N, C-alpha and C. Protein backbone atom coordinates (compact mmCIF):
# COMPACT_ATOMS: atom_id res chain seq x y z
N UNK A 1 14.41 12.31 3.74
CA UNK A 1 13.53 13.45 3.54
C UNK A 1 12.25 12.99 2.83
N UNK A 2 11.15 13.62 3.17
CA UNK A 2 9.88 13.36 2.51
C UNK A 2 9.86 14.11 1.17
N UNK A 3 9.16 13.52 0.19
CA UNK A 3 9.04 14.16 -1.11
C UNK A 3 7.63 13.92 -1.64
N UNK A 4 7.24 14.66 -2.66
CA UNK A 4 5.97 14.49 -3.36
C UNK A 4 4.74 14.71 -2.48
N UNK A 5 4.91 15.49 -1.40
CA UNK A 5 3.80 15.74 -0.49
C UNK A 5 4.02 17.09 0.18
N UNK A 6 2.92 17.82 0.40
CA UNK A 6 3.03 19.12 1.06
C UNK A 6 3.38 18.93 2.53
N UNK A 7 4.14 19.85 3.05
CA UNK A 7 4.57 19.80 4.44
C UNK A 7 3.93 20.94 5.22
N UNK A 8 3.85 20.76 6.52
CA UNK A 8 3.32 21.77 7.44
C UNK A 8 1.88 22.15 7.11
N UNK A 9 1.09 21.15 6.67
CA UNK A 9 -0.35 21.37 6.47
C UNK A 9 -1.08 20.05 6.68
N UNK A 10 -2.34 20.15 7.07
CA UNK A 10 -3.15 18.96 7.30
C UNK A 10 -3.50 18.34 5.95
N UNK A 11 -3.31 17.02 5.84
CA UNK A 11 -3.55 16.30 4.60
C UNK A 11 -4.53 15.15 4.82
N UNK A 12 -5.24 14.79 3.80
CA UNK A 12 -6.03 13.56 3.77
C UNK A 12 -5.28 12.63 2.82
N UNK A 13 -4.62 11.62 3.37
CA UNK A 13 -3.72 10.79 2.57
C UNK A 13 -4.41 10.16 1.37
N UNK A 14 -5.66 9.72 1.52
CA UNK A 14 -6.33 9.07 0.40
C UNK A 14 -6.56 10.03 -0.77
N UNK A 15 -6.49 11.33 -0.52
CA UNK A 15 -6.64 12.30 -1.59
C UNK A 15 -5.32 12.62 -2.29
N UNK A 16 -4.23 12.05 -1.80
CA UNK A 16 -2.90 12.34 -2.34
C UNK A 16 -2.51 11.42 -3.50
N UNK A 17 -3.35 10.41 -3.79
CA UNK A 17 -3.10 9.52 -4.92
C UNK A 17 -4.46 9.23 -5.56
N UNK A 18 -4.51 9.24 -6.90
CA UNK A 18 -5.78 9.11 -7.62
C UNK A 18 -5.91 7.75 -8.30
N UNK A 19 -7.13 7.26 -8.34
CA UNK A 19 -7.41 6.04 -9.10
C UNK A 19 -7.25 6.32 -10.59
N UNK A 20 -6.75 5.32 -11.32
CA UNK A 20 -6.72 5.37 -12.78
C UNK A 20 -7.24 4.04 -13.29
N UNK A 21 -8.13 4.11 -14.26
CA UNK A 21 -8.78 2.91 -14.78
C UNK A 21 -7.75 1.88 -15.25
N UNK A 22 -7.90 0.65 -14.76
CA UNK A 22 -7.06 -0.46 -15.19
C UNK A 22 -5.62 -0.41 -14.71
N UNK A 23 -5.36 0.38 -13.66
CA UNK A 23 -3.96 0.55 -13.24
C UNK A 23 -3.79 0.47 -11.73
N UNK A 24 -2.55 0.25 -11.34
CA UNK A 24 -2.10 0.46 -9.97
C UNK A 24 -1.22 1.70 -10.02
N UNK A 25 -1.58 2.71 -9.25
CA UNK A 25 -0.84 3.97 -9.22
C UNK A 25 -0.09 4.04 -7.90
N UNK A 26 1.18 4.45 -7.95
CA UNK A 26 1.95 4.61 -6.72
C UNK A 26 2.56 6.00 -6.65
N UNK A 27 2.75 6.46 -5.42
CA UNK A 27 3.38 7.76 -5.18
C UNK A 27 4.34 7.59 -4.00
N UNK A 28 5.63 7.67 -4.28
CA UNK A 28 6.65 7.49 -3.25
C UNK A 28 6.78 8.77 -2.43
N UNK A 29 6.71 8.62 -1.11
CA UNK A 29 6.84 9.77 -0.21
C UNK A 29 8.20 9.82 0.46
N UNK A 30 8.83 8.65 0.63
CA UNK A 30 10.18 8.59 1.22
C UNK A 30 10.80 7.26 0.85
N UNK A 31 12.12 7.28 0.61
CA UNK A 31 12.82 6.04 0.28
C UNK A 31 14.29 6.19 0.62
N UNK A 32 14.76 5.25 1.46
CA UNK A 32 16.19 5.17 1.74
C UNK A 32 16.51 3.73 2.14
N UNK A 33 17.72 3.48 2.63
CA UNK A 33 18.13 2.12 2.95
C UNK A 33 17.35 1.51 4.12
N UNK A 34 16.75 2.35 4.95
CA UNK A 34 16.06 1.85 6.16
C UNK A 34 14.55 1.87 6.06
N UNK A 35 13.99 2.68 5.12
CA UNK A 35 12.55 2.93 5.12
C UNK A 35 12.05 3.26 3.73
N UNK A 36 10.84 2.81 3.46
CA UNK A 36 10.15 3.19 2.22
C UNK A 36 8.70 3.52 2.59
N UNK A 37 8.19 4.67 2.14
CA UNK A 37 6.81 5.08 2.40
C UNK A 37 6.18 5.40 1.06
N UNK A 38 5.10 4.67 0.72
CA UNK A 38 4.47 4.82 -0.60
C UNK A 38 2.95 4.76 -0.47
N UNK A 39 2.28 5.61 -1.21
CA UNK A 39 0.82 5.55 -1.35
C UNK A 39 0.49 4.77 -2.61
N UNK A 40 -0.56 3.96 -2.56
CA UNK A 40 -1.01 3.20 -3.72
C UNK A 40 -2.50 3.39 -3.93
N UNK A 41 -2.92 3.39 -5.19
CA UNK A 41 -4.34 3.35 -5.57
C UNK A 41 -4.51 2.23 -6.59
N UNK A 42 -5.29 1.22 -6.23
CA UNK A 42 -5.57 0.07 -7.09
C UNK A 42 -6.95 0.22 -7.69
N UNK A 43 -7.07 0.15 -9.00
CA UNK A 43 -8.39 0.05 -9.59
C UNK A 43 -8.94 -1.34 -9.26
N UNK A 44 -10.24 -1.49 -9.32
CA UNK A 44 -10.85 -2.79 -9.03
C UNK A 44 -10.23 -3.87 -9.91
N UNK A 45 -9.90 -5.00 -9.29
CA UNK A 45 -9.33 -6.18 -9.94
C UNK A 45 -7.87 -6.02 -10.37
N UNK A 46 -7.23 -4.92 -10.00
CA UNK A 46 -5.80 -4.76 -10.28
C UNK A 46 -5.00 -5.31 -9.10
N UNK A 47 -3.75 -5.70 -9.36
CA UNK A 47 -2.99 -6.35 -8.29
C UNK A 47 -1.49 -6.15 -8.45
N UNK A 48 -0.81 -6.40 -7.34
CA UNK A 48 0.64 -6.61 -7.34
C UNK A 48 0.80 -8.08 -7.01
N UNK A 49 1.36 -8.82 -7.94
CA UNK A 49 1.43 -10.28 -7.79
C UNK A 49 2.39 -10.69 -6.68
N UNK A 50 2.37 -11.95 -6.37
CA UNK A 50 3.14 -12.50 -5.26
C UNK A 50 4.64 -12.19 -5.40
N UNK A 51 5.20 -11.67 -4.33
CA UNK A 51 6.62 -11.34 -4.27
C UNK A 51 7.04 -11.34 -2.80
N UNK A 52 8.32 -11.12 -2.54
CA UNK A 52 8.83 -11.00 -1.18
C UNK A 52 9.56 -9.68 -1.03
N UNK A 53 9.64 -9.20 0.20
CA UNK A 53 10.34 -7.96 0.50
C UNK A 53 11.42 -8.24 1.54
N UNK A 54 12.47 -7.45 1.49
CA UNK A 54 13.54 -7.58 2.47
C UNK A 54 13.22 -6.94 3.81
N UNK A 55 12.08 -6.24 3.89
CA UNK A 55 11.70 -5.59 5.14
C UNK A 55 10.27 -5.91 5.51
N UNK A 56 9.91 -5.65 6.76
CA UNK A 56 8.52 -5.79 7.18
C UNK A 56 7.71 -4.67 6.52
N UNK A 57 6.57 -5.05 5.93
CA UNK A 57 5.75 -4.11 5.18
C UNK A 57 4.43 -3.88 5.91
N UNK A 58 4.24 -2.67 6.42
CA UNK A 58 3.04 -2.28 7.17
C UNK A 58 2.07 -1.61 6.21
N UNK A 59 0.87 -2.17 6.06
CA UNK A 59 -0.14 -1.66 5.14
C UNK A 59 -1.33 -1.12 5.94
N UNK A 60 -1.78 0.08 5.60
CA UNK A 60 -3.01 0.64 6.15
C UNK A 60 -3.94 0.97 4.99
N UNK A 61 -5.17 0.45 5.06
CA UNK A 61 -6.17 0.74 4.04
C UNK A 61 -6.71 2.15 4.26
N UNK A 62 -6.65 2.97 3.23
CA UNK A 62 -7.14 4.35 3.30
C UNK A 62 -8.52 4.50 2.67
N UNK A 63 -8.89 3.57 1.77
CA UNK A 63 -10.15 3.67 1.05
C UNK A 63 -10.44 2.33 0.40
N UNK A 64 -11.72 1.96 0.32
CA UNK A 64 -12.11 0.77 -0.42
C UNK A 64 -11.83 -0.53 0.32
N UNK A 65 -11.69 -1.60 -0.46
CA UNK A 65 -11.46 -2.93 0.10
C UNK A 65 -10.36 -3.61 -0.70
N UNK A 66 -9.35 -4.11 0.02
CA UNK A 66 -8.26 -4.82 -0.62
C UNK A 66 -8.12 -6.21 -0.04
N UNK A 67 -7.47 -7.06 -0.80
CA UNK A 67 -7.17 -8.40 -0.32
C UNK A 67 -5.66 -8.55 -0.27
N UNK A 68 -5.15 -8.85 0.93
CA UNK A 68 -3.74 -9.05 1.15
C UNK A 68 -3.53 -10.55 1.37
N UNK A 69 -2.66 -11.16 0.58
CA UNK A 69 -2.36 -12.58 0.74
C UNK A 69 -0.94 -12.71 1.26
N UNK A 70 -0.81 -13.40 2.40
CA UNK A 70 0.50 -13.62 3.03
C UNK A 70 0.67 -15.12 3.23
N UNK A 71 1.72 -15.69 2.68
CA UNK A 71 1.96 -17.13 2.80
C UNK A 71 0.73 -17.94 2.37
N UNK A 72 0.04 -17.46 1.33
CA UNK A 72 -1.12 -18.17 0.81
C UNK A 72 -2.42 -17.95 1.56
N UNK A 73 -2.39 -17.19 2.66
CA UNK A 73 -3.59 -16.92 3.46
C UNK A 73 -4.12 -15.54 3.10
N UNK A 74 -5.42 -15.47 2.74
CA UNK A 74 -6.04 -14.20 2.33
C UNK A 74 -6.60 -13.44 3.53
N UNK A 75 -6.38 -12.12 3.50
CA UNK A 75 -6.90 -11.22 4.53
C UNK A 75 -7.59 -10.06 3.82
N UNK A 76 -8.83 -9.76 4.21
CA UNK A 76 -9.55 -8.63 3.61
C UNK A 76 -9.31 -7.40 4.47
N UNK A 77 -8.96 -6.30 3.83
CA UNK A 77 -8.62 -5.06 4.53
C UNK A 77 -9.61 -3.98 4.13
N UNK A 78 -10.20 -3.34 5.14
CA UNK A 78 -11.17 -2.26 4.94
C UNK A 78 -10.58 -0.96 5.47
N UNK A 79 -11.19 0.15 5.09
CA UNK A 79 -10.71 1.47 5.49
C UNK A 79 -10.43 1.52 7.00
N UNK A 80 -9.23 1.99 7.33
CA UNK A 80 -8.84 2.13 8.72
C UNK A 80 -8.16 0.90 9.30
N UNK A 81 -8.16 -0.21 8.57
CA UNK A 81 -7.53 -1.44 9.06
C UNK A 81 -6.11 -1.55 8.52
N UNK A 82 -5.27 -2.27 9.27
CA UNK A 82 -3.86 -2.43 8.92
C UNK A 82 -3.43 -3.88 9.07
N UNK A 83 -2.35 -4.23 8.40
CA UNK A 83 -1.74 -5.55 8.52
C UNK A 83 -0.25 -5.42 8.23
N UNK A 84 0.55 -6.31 8.82
CA UNK A 84 1.98 -6.34 8.55
C UNK A 84 2.28 -7.58 7.71
N UNK A 85 2.93 -7.35 6.58
CA UNK A 85 3.42 -8.44 5.74
C UNK A 85 4.88 -8.66 6.14
N UNK A 86 5.18 -9.79 6.80
CA UNK A 86 6.55 -9.99 7.32
C UNK A 86 7.59 -10.09 6.21
N UNK A 87 8.77 -9.61 6.53
CA UNK A 87 9.91 -9.71 5.61
C UNK A 87 10.14 -11.15 5.19
N UNK A 88 10.50 -11.31 3.92
CA UNK A 88 10.89 -12.61 3.35
C UNK A 88 9.77 -13.64 3.35
N UNK A 89 8.51 -13.18 3.44
CA UNK A 89 7.35 -14.06 3.28
C UNK A 89 6.62 -13.65 2.00
N UNK A 90 6.22 -14.61 1.17
CA UNK A 90 5.52 -14.25 -0.06
C UNK A 90 4.18 -13.57 0.26
N UNK A 91 3.94 -12.47 -0.47
CA UNK A 91 2.69 -11.74 -0.27
C UNK A 91 2.26 -11.09 -1.59
N UNK A 92 0.97 -10.77 -1.65
CA UNK A 92 0.40 -10.12 -2.83
C UNK A 92 -0.70 -9.17 -2.36
N UNK A 93 -1.02 -8.19 -3.22
CA UNK A 93 -2.06 -7.21 -2.91
C UNK A 93 -3.01 -7.13 -4.11
N UNK A 94 -4.32 -7.15 -3.82
CA UNK A 94 -5.35 -7.18 -4.87
C UNK A 94 -6.46 -6.19 -4.51
N UNK A 95 -6.90 -5.41 -5.49
CA UNK A 95 -8.01 -4.50 -5.29
C UNK A 95 -9.34 -5.22 -5.47
N UNK A 96 -9.93 -5.66 -4.37
CA UNK A 96 -11.22 -6.34 -4.43
C UNK A 96 -12.29 -5.36 -4.92
N UNK A 97 -12.15 -4.11 -4.50
CA UNK A 97 -12.86 -2.95 -5.05
C UNK A 97 -11.75 -1.95 -5.34
N UNK A 98 -12.09 -0.75 -5.74
CA UNK A 98 -11.04 0.26 -5.77
C UNK A 98 -10.50 0.36 -4.36
N UNK A 99 -9.18 0.49 -4.25
CA UNK A 99 -8.51 0.33 -2.96
C UNK A 99 -7.29 1.24 -2.90
N UNK A 100 -7.21 2.04 -1.83
CA UNK A 100 -6.03 2.87 -1.60
C UNK A 100 -5.38 2.44 -0.30
N UNK A 101 -4.04 2.43 -0.32
CA UNK A 101 -3.31 2.01 0.87
C UNK A 101 -2.05 2.84 1.05
N UNK A 102 -1.63 2.92 2.31
CA UNK A 102 -0.33 3.47 2.66
C UNK A 102 0.56 2.28 2.99
N UNK A 103 1.72 2.22 2.36
CA UNK A 103 2.68 1.14 2.60
C UNK A 103 3.93 1.73 3.23
N UNK A 104 4.30 1.21 4.40
CA UNK A 104 5.53 1.60 5.07
C UNK A 104 6.37 0.34 5.23
N UNK A 105 7.52 0.30 4.57
CA UNK A 105 8.42 -0.85 4.67
C UNK A 105 9.63 -0.44 5.50
N UNK A 106 9.90 -1.24 6.53
CA UNK A 106 11.04 -1.00 7.42
C UNK A 106 12.06 -2.09 7.17
N UNK A 107 13.26 -1.69 6.72
CA UNK A 107 14.32 -2.65 6.39
C UNK A 107 15.26 -2.86 7.55
């Protein structure tokens, strides 16, 4: 089930999570054994350091510019662009500017 989000109405996803100075803010929309859906807002220069996930992680940039590093290779993500961070590969996310993203992890 979806949570923390209005249903049966048109939404602008980037408006569903707010920037906070010096922080990474997350808002979980769904989580179970097969799927995780989370919105993130990164203040400029904030990051989630290198880690691995047990599932493929699909990222879509909703606002700003982010840097996604996968297996040591940097990728710049702009509004409307997406990338998949493969399961069990080291990856990190950095707010090159303020940056909002939708993360969908499929386990």
